[in-house]
C-alpha atoms as a PDB file:
ATOM      1  CA  MET A   1       5.074 -89.641  28.391  1.00  0.00           C
ATOM      2  CA  ALA A   2       2.765 -88.816  31.320  1.00  0.00           C
ATOM      3  CA  LEU A   3       1.397 -85.273  31.324  1.00  0.00           C
ATOM      4  CA  LEU A   4      -0.295 -85.877  34.687  1.00  0.00           C
ATOM      5  CA  GLU A   5       0.974 -88.176  37.427  1.00  0.00           C
ATOM      6  CA  VAL A   6      -0.907 -88.770  40.671  1.00  0.00           C
ATOM      7  CA  ASN A   7       0.730 -90.787  43.446  1.00  0.00           C
ATOM      8  CA  ASN A   8      -0.622 -91.851  46.849  1.00  0.00           C
ATOM      9  CA  LEU A   9      -3.301 -89.150  46.742  1.00  0.00           C
ATOM     10  CA  ALA A  10      -5.429 -88.997  49.889  1.00  0.00           C
ATOM     11  CA  LEU A  11      -8.219 -86.688  50.994  1.00  0.00           C
ATOM     12  CA  SER A  12     -10.076 -86.697  54.300  1.00  0.00           C
ATOM     13  CA  PHE A  13     -12.854 -84.569  55.759  1.00  0.00           C
ATOM     14  CA  ALA A  14     -13.368 -84.787  59.539  1.00  0.00           C
ATOM     15  CA  GLY A  15     -11.931 -88.276  59.614  1.00  0.00           C
ATOM     16  CA  LEU A  16     -13.894 -89.469  56.582  1.00  0.00           C
ATOM     17  CA  HIS A  17     -11.532 -90.864  53.926  1.00  0.00           C
ATOM     18  CA  VAL A  18     -12.815 -89.628  50.566  1.00  0.00           C
ATOM     19  CA  ILE A  19      -9.736 -90.598  48.515  1.00  0.00           C
ATOM     20  CA  LYS A  20      -7.332 -93.348  49.595  1.00  0.00           C
ATOM     21  CA  GLU A  21      -3.779 -93.703  48.248  1.00  0.00           C
ATOM     22  CA  LEU A  22      -4.934 -93.153  44.683  1.00  0.00           C
ATOM     23  CA  GLU A  23      -2.434 -93.575  41.860  1.00  0.00           C
ATOM     24  CA  PHE A  24      -2.911 -93.028  38.124  1.00  0.00           C
ATOM     25  CA  SER A  25      -1.416 -91.163  35.180  1.00  0.00           C
ATOM     26  CA  VAL A  26      -2.694 -89.483  32.026  1.00  0.00           C
ATOM     27  CA  GLU A  27      -0.485 -89.747  28.969  1.00  0.00           C
ATOM     28  CA  GLU A  28       0.164 -86.657  26.873  1.00  0.00           C
ATOM     29  CA  GLY A  29      -2.032 -86.593  23.774  1.00  0.00           C
ATOM     30  CA  SER A  30      -4.477 -89.170  25.117  1.00  0.00           C
ATOM     31  CA  ILE A  31      -8.180 -89.282  25.958  1.00  0.00           C
ATOM     32  CA  ALA A  32      -8.611 -90.807  29.412  1.00  0.00           C
ATOM     33  CA  SER A  33     -11.541 -91.258  31.779  1.00  0.00           C
ATOM     34  CA  LEU A  34     -12.146 -91.564  35.496  1.00  0.00           C
ATOM     35  CA  ILE A  35     -15.278 -93.548  36.315  1.00  0.00           C
ATOM     36  CA  GLY A  36     -16.977 -95.088  39.331  1.00  0.00           C
ATOM     37  CA  PRO A  37     -20.350 -95.384  41.065  1.00  0.00           C
ATOM     38  CA  ASN A  38     -22.082 -92.354  42.600  1.00  0.00           C
ATOM     39  CA  GLY A  39     -20.134 -91.157  45.629  1.00  0.00           C
ATOM     40  CA  ALA A  40     -16.928 -92.887  44.546  1.00  0.00           C
ATOM     41  CA  GLY A  41     -14.927 -89.643  44.875  1.00  0.00           C
ATOM     42  CA  LYS A  42     -14.505 -88.710  41.211  1.00  0.00           C
ATOM     43  CA  THR A  43     -15.292 -84.999  41.488  1.00  0.00           C
ATOM     44  CA  SER A  44     -13.192 -84.829  44.668  1.00  0.00           C
ATOM     45  CA  VAL A  45     -10.253 -86.059  42.576  1.00  0.00           C
ATOM     46  CA  PHE A  46     -10.871 -83.285  40.032  1.00  0.00           C
ATOM     47  CA  ASN A  47     -11.115 -80.742  42.854  1.00  0.00           C
ATOM     48  CA  CYS A  48      -7.727 -81.886  44.175  1.00  0.00           C
ATOM     49  CA  LEU A  49      -6.164 -81.690  40.721  1.00  0.00           C
ATOM     50  CA  THR A  50      -7.430 -78.150  40.132  1.00  0.00           C
ATOM     51  CA  GLY A  51      -6.676 -76.712  43.565  1.00  0.00           C
ATOM     52  CA  PHE A  52     -10.223 -76.458  44.921  1.00  0.00           C
ATOM     53  CA  TYR A  53      -9.412 -79.073  47.595  1.00  0.00           C
ATOM     54  CA  ARG A  54      -6.154 -79.480  49.508  1.00  0.00           C
ATOM     55  CA  PRO A  55      -5.184 -83.170  49.557  1.00  0.00           C
ATOM     56  CA  THR A  56      -4.312 -84.729  52.892  1.00  0.00           C
ATOM     57  CA  ALA A  57      -1.341 -86.551  51.343  1.00  0.00           C
ATOM     58  CA  GLY A  58       0.225 -87.518  48.041  1.00  0.00           C
ATOM     59  CA  THR A  59       1.761 -85.830  45.007  1.00  0.00           C
ATOM     60  CA  ILE A  60       0.338 -84.360  41.805  1.00  0.00           C
ATOM     61  CA  ILE A  61       2.822 -83.739  39.004  1.00  0.00           C
ATOM     62  CA  PHE A  62       1.522 -81.837  35.990  1.00  0.00           C
ATOM     63  CA  ASN A  63       3.736 -81.210  32.970  1.00  0.00           C
ATOM     64  CA  GLY A  64       6.789 -82.110  35.053  1.00  0.00           C
ATOM     65  CA  LYS A  65       6.020 -79.781  37.983  1.00  0.00           C
ATOM     66  CA  SER A  66       4.293 -80.267  41.308  1.00  0.00           C
ATOM     67  CA  ILE A  67       0.942 -78.501  41.600  1.00  0.00           C
ATOM     68  CA  ILE A  68       0.038 -79.810  45.033  1.00  0.00           C
ATOM     69  CA  HIS A  69      -1.583 -77.092  47.181  1.00  0.00           C
ATOM     70  CA  LYS A  70      -1.335 -74.488  44.401  1.00  0.00           C
ATOM     71  CA  LYS A  71      -4.211 -72.060  43.938  1.00  0.00           C
ATOM     72  CA  PRO A  72      -6.693 -72.764  41.118  1.00  0.00           C
ATOM     73  CA  TYR A  73      -5.711 -69.729  39.024  1.00  0.00           C
ATOM     74  CA  LYS A  74      -2.043 -70.751  39.122  1.00  0.00           C
ATOM     75  CA  ILE A  75      -2.902 -74.277  38.004  1.00  0.00           C
ATOM     76  CA  THR A  76      -4.993 -72.840  35.170  1.00  0.00           C
ATOM     77  CA  ARG A  77      -2.076 -70.619  34.168  1.00  0.00           C
ATOM     78  CA  GLN A  78       0.164 -73.694  34.033  1.00  0.00           C
ATOM     79  CA  GLY A  79      -2.165 -75.237  31.459  1.00  0.00           C
ATOM     80  CA  MET A  80      -4.913 -77.217  33.183  1.00  0.00           C
ATOM     81  CA  ALA A  81      -8.520 -76.199  32.493  1.00  0.00           C
ATOM     82  CA  ARG A  82     -11.803 -77.738  33.592  1.00  0.00           C
ATOM     83  CA  THR A  83     -15.522 -77.641  33.104  1.00  0.00           C
ATOM     84  CA  PHE A  84     -18.040 -78.378  35.847  1.00  0.00           C
ATOM     85  CA  GLN A  85     -20.953 -80.771  36.182  1.00  0.00           C
ATOM     86  CA  ASN A  86     -23.291 -77.826  36.777  1.00  0.00           C
ATOM     87  CA  LEU A  87     -23.290 -74.854  34.402  1.00  0.00           C
ATOM     88  CA  ARG A  88     -21.197 -71.935  35.657  1.00  0.00           C
ATOM     89  CA  LEU A  89     -21.767 -69.306  33.006  1.00  0.00           C
ATOM     90  CA  PHE A  90     -22.151 -65.558  33.510  1.00  0.00           C
ATOM     91  CA  LYS A  91     -25.737 -65.688  32.336  1.00  0.00           C
ATOM     92  CA  SER A  92     -26.249 -61.944  31.872  1.00  0.00           C
ATOM     93  CA  MET A  93     -23.160 -61.676  29.650  1.00  0.00           C
ATOM     94  CA  THR A  94     -22.950 -62.502  25.969  1.00  0.00           C
ATOM     95  CA  VAL A  95     -21.584 -65.774  24.695  1.00  0.00           C
ATOM     96  CA  LEU A  96     -18.394 -64.080  23.501  1.00  0.00           C
ATOM     97  CA  GLU A  97     -17.913 -62.222  26.795  1.00  0.00           C
ATOM     98  CA  ASN A  98     -18.200 -65.523  28.664  1.00  0.00           C
ATOM     99  CA  VAL A  99     -15.492 -67.072  26.532  1.00  0.00           C
ATOM    100  CA  MET A 100     -13.284 -63.979  26.827  1.00  0.00           C
ATOM    101  CA  SER A 101     -13.455 -64.315  30.610  1.00  0.00           C
ATOM    102  CA  GLY A 102     -11.527 -67.563  30.214  1.00  0.00           C
ATOM    103  CA  MET A 103      -8.525 -65.659  28.843  1.00  0.00           C
ATOM    104  CA  HIS A 104      -8.126 -63.582  31.997  1.00  0.00           C
ATOM    105  CA  CYS A 105      -5.253 -65.843  33.068  1.00  0.00           C
ATOM    106  CA  ARG A 106      -3.420 -65.063  29.799  1.00  0.00           C
ATOM    107  CA  SER A 107      -3.897 -61.273  29.699  1.00  0.00           C
ATOM    108  CA  SER A 108      -1.046 -58.962  30.639  1.00  0.00           C
ATOM    109  CA  ALA A 109      -2.193 -55.369  30.087  1.00  0.00           C
ATOM    110  CA  GLY A 110      -3.451 -55.004  33.677  1.00  0.00           C
ATOM    111  CA  PRO A 111      -6.130 -52.740  35.209  1.00  0.00           C
ATOM    112  CA  ILE A 112      -4.260 -49.476  34.551  1.00  0.00           C
ATOM    113  CA  GLY A 113      -3.994 -50.289  30.860  1.00  0.00           C
ATOM    114  CA  ALA A 114      -7.688 -51.142  30.773  1.00  0.00           C
ATOM    115  CA  ILE A 115      -8.661 -47.853  32.434  1.00  0.00           C
ATOM    116  CA  LEU A 116      -6.406 -45.713  30.225  1.00  0.00           C
ATOM    117  CA  ARG A 117      -7.169 -47.739  27.079  1.00  0.00           C
ATOM    118  CA  THR A 118      -3.507 -47.798  26.115  1.00  0.00           C
ATOM    119  CA  GLY A 119      -2.422 -48.973  22.700  1.00  0.00           C
ATOM    120  CA  ALA A 120      -1.020 -52.179  24.172  1.00  0.00           C
ATOM    121  CA  GLN A 121      -4.299 -52.884  25.986  1.00  0.00           C
ATOM    122  CA  GLN A 122      -6.394 -52.307  22.862  1.00  0.00           C
ATOM    123  CA  LYS A 123      -4.103 -54.549  20.807  1.00  0.00           C
ATOM    124  CA  GLU A 124      -4.326 -57.304  23.409  1.00  0.00           C
ATOM    125  CA  GLU A 125      -8.109 -56.982  23.617  1.00  0.00           C
ATOM    126  CA  ALA A 126      -8.402 -57.341  19.838  1.00  0.00           C
ATOM    127  CA  GLU A 127      -6.206 -60.451  19.931  1.00  0.00           C
ATOM    128  CA  ILE A 128      -8.280 -61.951  22.766  1.00  0.00           C
ATOM    129  CA  ASN A 129     -11.483 -61.206  20.852  1.00  0.00           C
ATOM    130  CA  GLU A 130     -10.136 -62.907  17.729  1.00  0.00           C
ATOM    131  CA  PHE A 131      -8.883 -65.978  19.613  1.00  0.00           C
ATOM    132  CA  CYS A 132     -12.171 -66.396  21.490  1.00  0.00           C
ATOM    133  CA  GLU A 133     -14.122 -66.179  18.255  1.00  0.00           C
ATOM    134  CA  ARG A 134     -11.955 -69.014  16.931  1.00  0.00           C
ATOM    135  CA  CYS A 135     -12.822 -71.045  20.040  1.00  0.00           C
ATOM    136  CA  LEU A 136     -16.525 -70.419  19.457  1.00  0.00           C
ATOM    137  CA  ASP A 137     -16.174 -71.356  15.802  1.00  0.00           C
ATOM    138  CA  PHE A 138     -14.493 -74.612  16.861  1.00  0.00           C
ATOM    139  CA  VAL A 139     -17.475 -75.631  19.012  1.00  0.00           C
ATOM    140  CA  GLY A 140     -19.998 -74.388  16.444  1.00  0.00           C
ATOM    141  CA  LEU A 141     -21.297 -71.271  18.213  1.00  0.00           C
ATOM    142  CA  LEU A 142     -19.714 -68.352  16.380  1.00  0.00           C
ATOM    143  CA  ALA A 143     -23.052 -67.359  14.849  1.00  0.00           C
ATOM    144  CA  VAL A 144     -24.545 -66.689  18.316  1.00  0.00           C
ATOM    145  CA  LYS A 145     -21.538 -64.921  19.849  1.00  0.00           C
ATOM    146  CA  ASP A 146     -23.534 -61.758  20.645  1.00  0.00           C
ATOM    147  CA  ARG A 147     -26.508 -63.484  22.263  1.00  0.00           C
ATOM    148  CA  ILE A 148     -26.986 -63.475  26.035  1.00  0.00           C
ATOM    149  CA  ALA A 149     -25.704 -66.814  27.337  1.00  0.00           C
ATOM    150  CA  SER A 150     -28.837 -67.596  29.371  1.00  0.00           C
ATOM    151  CA  ASN A 151     -30.969 -67.394  26.229  1.00  0.00           C
ATOM    152  CA  LEU A 152     -29.253 -70.366  24.615  1.00  0.00           C
ATOM    153  CA  ALA A 153     -30.522 -73.933  24.776  1.00  0.00           C
ATOM    154  CA  TYR A 154     -28.943 -76.050  27.500  1.00  0.00           C
ATOM    155  CA  GLY A 155     -26.768 -78.020  25.081  1.00  0.00           C
ATOM    156  CA  ASP A 156     -25.409 -74.805  23.570  1.00  0.00           C
ATOM    157  CA  GLN A 157     -24.684 -73.386  27.031  1.00  0.00           C
ATOM    158  CA  ARG A 158     -22.548 -76.474  27.590  1.00  0.00           C
ATOM    159  CA  ARG A 159     -20.646 -75.646  24.413  1.00  0.00           C
ATOM    160  CA  VAL A 160     -20.009 -72.119  25.693  1.00  0.00           C
ATOM    161  CA  GLU A 161     -18.339 -73.655  28.748  1.00  0.00           C
ATOM    162  CA  TRP A 162     -16.146 -75.842  26.561  1.00  0.00           C
ATOM    163  CA  ALA A 163     -15.167 -72.841  24.432  1.00  0.00           C
ATOM    164  CA  ARG A 164     -14.310 -70.865  27.574  1.00  0.00           C
ATOM    165  CA  ALA A 165     -12.117 -73.722  28.784  1.00  0.00           C
ATOM    166  CA  LEU A 166     -10.370 -73.807  25.397  1.00  0.00           C
ATOM    167  CA  ALA A 167      -9.771 -70.063  25.669  1.00  0.00           C
ATOM    168  CA  THR A 168      -7.431 -70.674  28.618  1.00  0.00           C
ATOM    169  CA  GLN A 169      -5.143 -72.431  26.102  1.00  0.00           C
ATOM    170  CA  PRO A 170      -4.835 -75.638  28.133  1.00  0.00           C
ATOM    171  CA  LYS A 171      -2.472 -78.555  27.737  1.00  0.00           C
ATOM    172  CA  LEU A 172      -4.908 -80.716  29.719  1.00  0.00           C
ATOM    173  CA  LEU A 173      -8.698 -80.320  29.678  1.00  0.00           C
ATOM    174  CA  LEU A 174     -10.733 -81.865  32.511  1.00  0.00           C
ATOM    175  CA  LEU A 175     -14.385 -82.473  31.649  1.00  0.00           C
ATOM    176  CA  ASP A 176     -16.700 -83.143  34.601  1.00  0.00           C
ATOM    177  CA  GLU A 177     -19.820 -84.962  33.360  1.00  0.00           C
ATOM    178  CA  PRO A 178     -19.798 -83.274  29.927  1.00  0.00           C
ATOM    179  CA  ALA A 179     -22.751 -85.340  28.696  1.00  0.00           C
ATOM    180  CA  ALA A 180     -25.023 -84.516  31.643  1.00  0.00           C
ATOM    181  CA  GLY A 181     -28.390 -83.260  30.379  1.00  0.00           C
ATOM    182  CA  LEU A 182     -27.583 -83.801  26.701  1.00  0.00           C
ATOM    183  CA  ASN A 183     -29.876 -85.688  24.339  1.00  0.00           C
ATOM    184  CA  HIS A 184     -28.725 -88.524  22.086  1.00  0.00           C
ATOM    185  CA  VAL A 185     -27.823 -86.288  19.138  1.00  0.00           C
ATOM    186  CA  GLU A 186     -25.913 -83.871  21.357  1.00  0.00           C
ATOM    187  CA  LYS A 187     -23.991 -86.758  22.938  1.00  0.00           C
ATOM    188  CA  GLN A 188     -22.914 -87.980  19.507  1.00  0.00           C
ATOM    189  CA  GLN A 189     -21.759 -84.455  18.672  1.00  0.00           C
ATOM    190  CA  LEU A 190     -19.868 -84.356  21.973  1.00  0.00           C
ATOM    191  CA  ILE A 191     -17.997 -87.541  21.094  1.00  0.00           C
ATOM    192  CA  GLY A 192     -16.887 -85.926  17.847  1.00  0.00           C
ATOM    193  CA  LEU A 193     -15.923 -82.703  19.599  1.00  0.00           C
ATOM    194  CA  ILE A 194     -13.811 -84.479  22.225  1.00  0.00           C
ATOM    195  CA  LYS A 195     -11.894 -86.291  19.498  1.00  0.00           C
ATOM    196  CA  ARG A 196     -11.403 -83.075  17.490  1.00  0.00           C
ATOM    197  CA  ILE A 197     -10.081 -81.219  20.541  1.00  0.00           C
ATOM    198  CA  ARG A 198      -7.410 -83.879  20.940  1.00  0.00           C
ATOM    199  CA  ASP A 199      -6.666 -84.528  17.264  1.00  0.00           C
ATOM    200  CA  GLN A 200      -6.807 -80.971  15.897  1.00  0.00           C
ATOM    201  CA  LEU A 201      -5.759 -78.874  18.902  1.00  0.00           C
ATOM    202  CA  GLY A 202      -3.389 -81.368  20.513  1.00  0.00           C
ATOM    203  CA  ILE A 203      -5.052 -81.025  23.920  1.00  0.00           C
ATOM    204  CA  THR A 204      -5.025 -83.995  26.285  1.00  0.00           C
ATOM    205  CA  ILE A 205      -8.491 -84.911  27.617  1.00  0.00           C
ATOM    206  CA  PHE A 206      -9.390 -86.360  31.029  1.00  0.00           C
ATOM    207  CA  LEU A 207     -13.065 -86.788  31.791  1.00  0.00           C
ATOM    208  CA  ILE A 208     -15.519 -87.971  34.412  1.00  0.00           C
ATOM    209  CA  GLU A 209     -18.672 -89.410  32.904  1.00  0.00           C
ATOM    210  CA  HIS A 210     -21.591 -91.652  33.887  1.00  0.00           C
ATOM    211  CA  ASP A 211     -22.567 -92.420  30.292  1.00  0.00           C
ATOM    212  CA  MET A 212     -20.627 -95.645  29.797  1.00  0.00           C
ATOM    213  CA  GLY A 213     -21.398 -95.758  26.086  1.00  0.00           C
ATOM    214  CA  LEU A 214     -19.641 -92.421  25.624  1.00  0.00           C
ATOM    215  CA  VAL A 215     -16.741 -93.411  27.896  1.00  0.00           C
ATOM    216  CA  MET A 216     -16.094 -96.639  26.003  1.00  0.00           C
ATOM    217  CA  LYS A 217     -16.220 -94.889  22.612  1.00  0.00           C
ATOM    218  CA  VAL A 218     -13.724 -92.120  23.359  1.00  0.00           C
ATOM    219  CA  SER A 219     -11.378 -93.420  26.077  1.00  0.00           C
ATOM    220  CA  GLU A 220      -8.009 -94.985  25.441  1.00  0.00           C
ATOM    221  CA  LYS A 221      -7.390 -95.509  29.152  1.00  0.00           C
ATOM    222  CA  ILE A 222      -9.953 -95.779  31.931  1.00  0.00           C
ATOM    223  CA  THR A 223      -9.336 -95.580  35.678  1.00  0.00           C
ATOM    224  CA  VAL A 224     -12.081 -96.940  37.929  1.00  0.00           C
ATOM    225  CA  ILE A 225     -12.471 -95.941  41.573  1.00  0.00           C
ATOM    226  CA  ASP A 226     -14.865 -97.059  44.286  1.00  0.00           C
ATOM    227  CA  TYR A 227     -15.031 -95.494  47.757  1.00  0.00           C
ATOM    228  CA  GLY A 228     -12.001 -93.383  46.824  1.00  0.00           C
ATOM    229  CA  GLU A 229      -9.779 -96.343  45.910  1.00  0.00           C
ATOM    230  CA  LYS A 230      -8.587 -97.475  42.492  1.00  0.00           C
ATOM    231  CA  ILE A 231     -10.047-100.876  41.676  1.00  0.00           C
ATOM    232  CA  ALA A 232      -9.123-101.175  37.996  1.00  0.00           C
ATOM    233  CA  GLN A 233      -7.343 -99.515  35.103  1.00  0.00           C
ATOM    234  CA  GLY A 234      -7.168-100.409  31.433  1.00  0.00           C
ATOM    235  CA  ASN A 235      -8.761-100.013  28.020  1.00  0.00           C
ATOM    236  CA  ALA A 236     -12.478-100.301  27.301  1.00  0.00           C
ATOM    237  CA  ASP A 237     -12.481-104.079  26.768  1.00  0.00           C
ATOM    238  CA  GLU A 238     -10.480-104.721  29.931  1.00  0.00           C
ATOM    239  CA  ILE A 239     -12.737-102.520  32.042  1.00  0.00           C
ATOM    240  CA  GLN A 240     -15.987-103.942  30.670  1.00  0.00           C
ATOM    241  CA  ASN A 241     -14.873-107.463  31.581  1.00  0.00           C
ATOM    242  CA  ASN A 242     -13.306-106.692  34.956  1.00  0.00           C
ATOM    243  CA  SER A 243     -15.101-108.504  37.781  1.00  0.00           C
ATOM    244  CA  LYS A 244     -14.289-105.790  40.348  1.00  0.00           C
ATOM    245  CA  VAL A 245     -15.792-103.119  38.092  1.00  0.00           C
ATOM    246  CA  ILE A 246     -18.918-105.181  37.470  1.00  0.00           C
ATOM    247  CA  GLU A 247     -19.284-105.741  41.202  1.00  0.00           C
ATOM    248  CA  ALA A 248     -18.836-102.037  42.008  1.00  0.00           C
ATOM    249  CA  TYR A 249     -21.559-101.008  39.554  1.00  0.00           C
ATOM    250  CA  LEU A 250     -23.981-103.902  39.970  1.00  0.00           C
ATOM    251  CA  GLY A 251     -23.251-105.128  43.502  1.00  0.00           C
ATOM    252  CA  LYS A 252     -22.473-108.636  44.664  1.00  0.00           C
ATOM    253  CA  GLU A 253     -24.832-111.347  43.583  1.00  0.00           C
ATOM    254  CA  GLU A 254     -26.637-113.235  46.314  1.00  0.00           C
ATOM    255  CA  ASP A 255     -25.248-116.682  47.013  1.00  0.00           C
ATOM    256  CA  GLU A 256     -27.062-119.254  44.968  1.00  0.00           C
ATOM    257  CA  ILE A 257     -29.250-121.721  46.844  1.00  0.00           C
ATOM    258  CA  VAL A 258     -28.109-125.225  46.019  1.00  0.00           C
END
């Protein structure tokens, strides 16, 4: 069953067609990837899915409901979370505070309760604190929960972002270049983490990634785009041997001189 269905998606800026009649789906409980050369429109697709861009045309159905033109916070509340290619942490806040900020969309006590410190607000805050600590434990950062986020190594700051995304309690997690800036060991740990998020938490994963080794190891379904258009879709073996994909990444070979 498809958790996410995209049909005839189009996006234009001042007459420039960034995405062209794009169609794909992400099955519930799967790990899927969106790949393509630099400038292919991958992040623009993510921005359309999460409400940061307003598509020119097309439909986006998430968990059986249309999310087209909905605001980002409403899409997050419906169960879609994302990370970004560039770190977007609150660097002067602690690791735990950063993760707790991800649960804003799930809190219900409101500003009055926070000001008056009502019993309901204090109970909710304790529950949020406990849940966020579990998220940090899952990504291996519970021991540094009270450290200032900017003082962590880059790879650990990435993990804080993943924990914050998990704190939104998503059904679908979008990862934008999760391996960017990671060393070999950290990339291997990321592969394990992605699989654990799906297998242990039951969260569907959809990622953009330039590291083809990582993509081929974790993805059950891969969609390839070039200049905003889908050129291929399939499993790792099918994509690796697809002539259109090879051409998009490597370019056309010069005609041989006979």
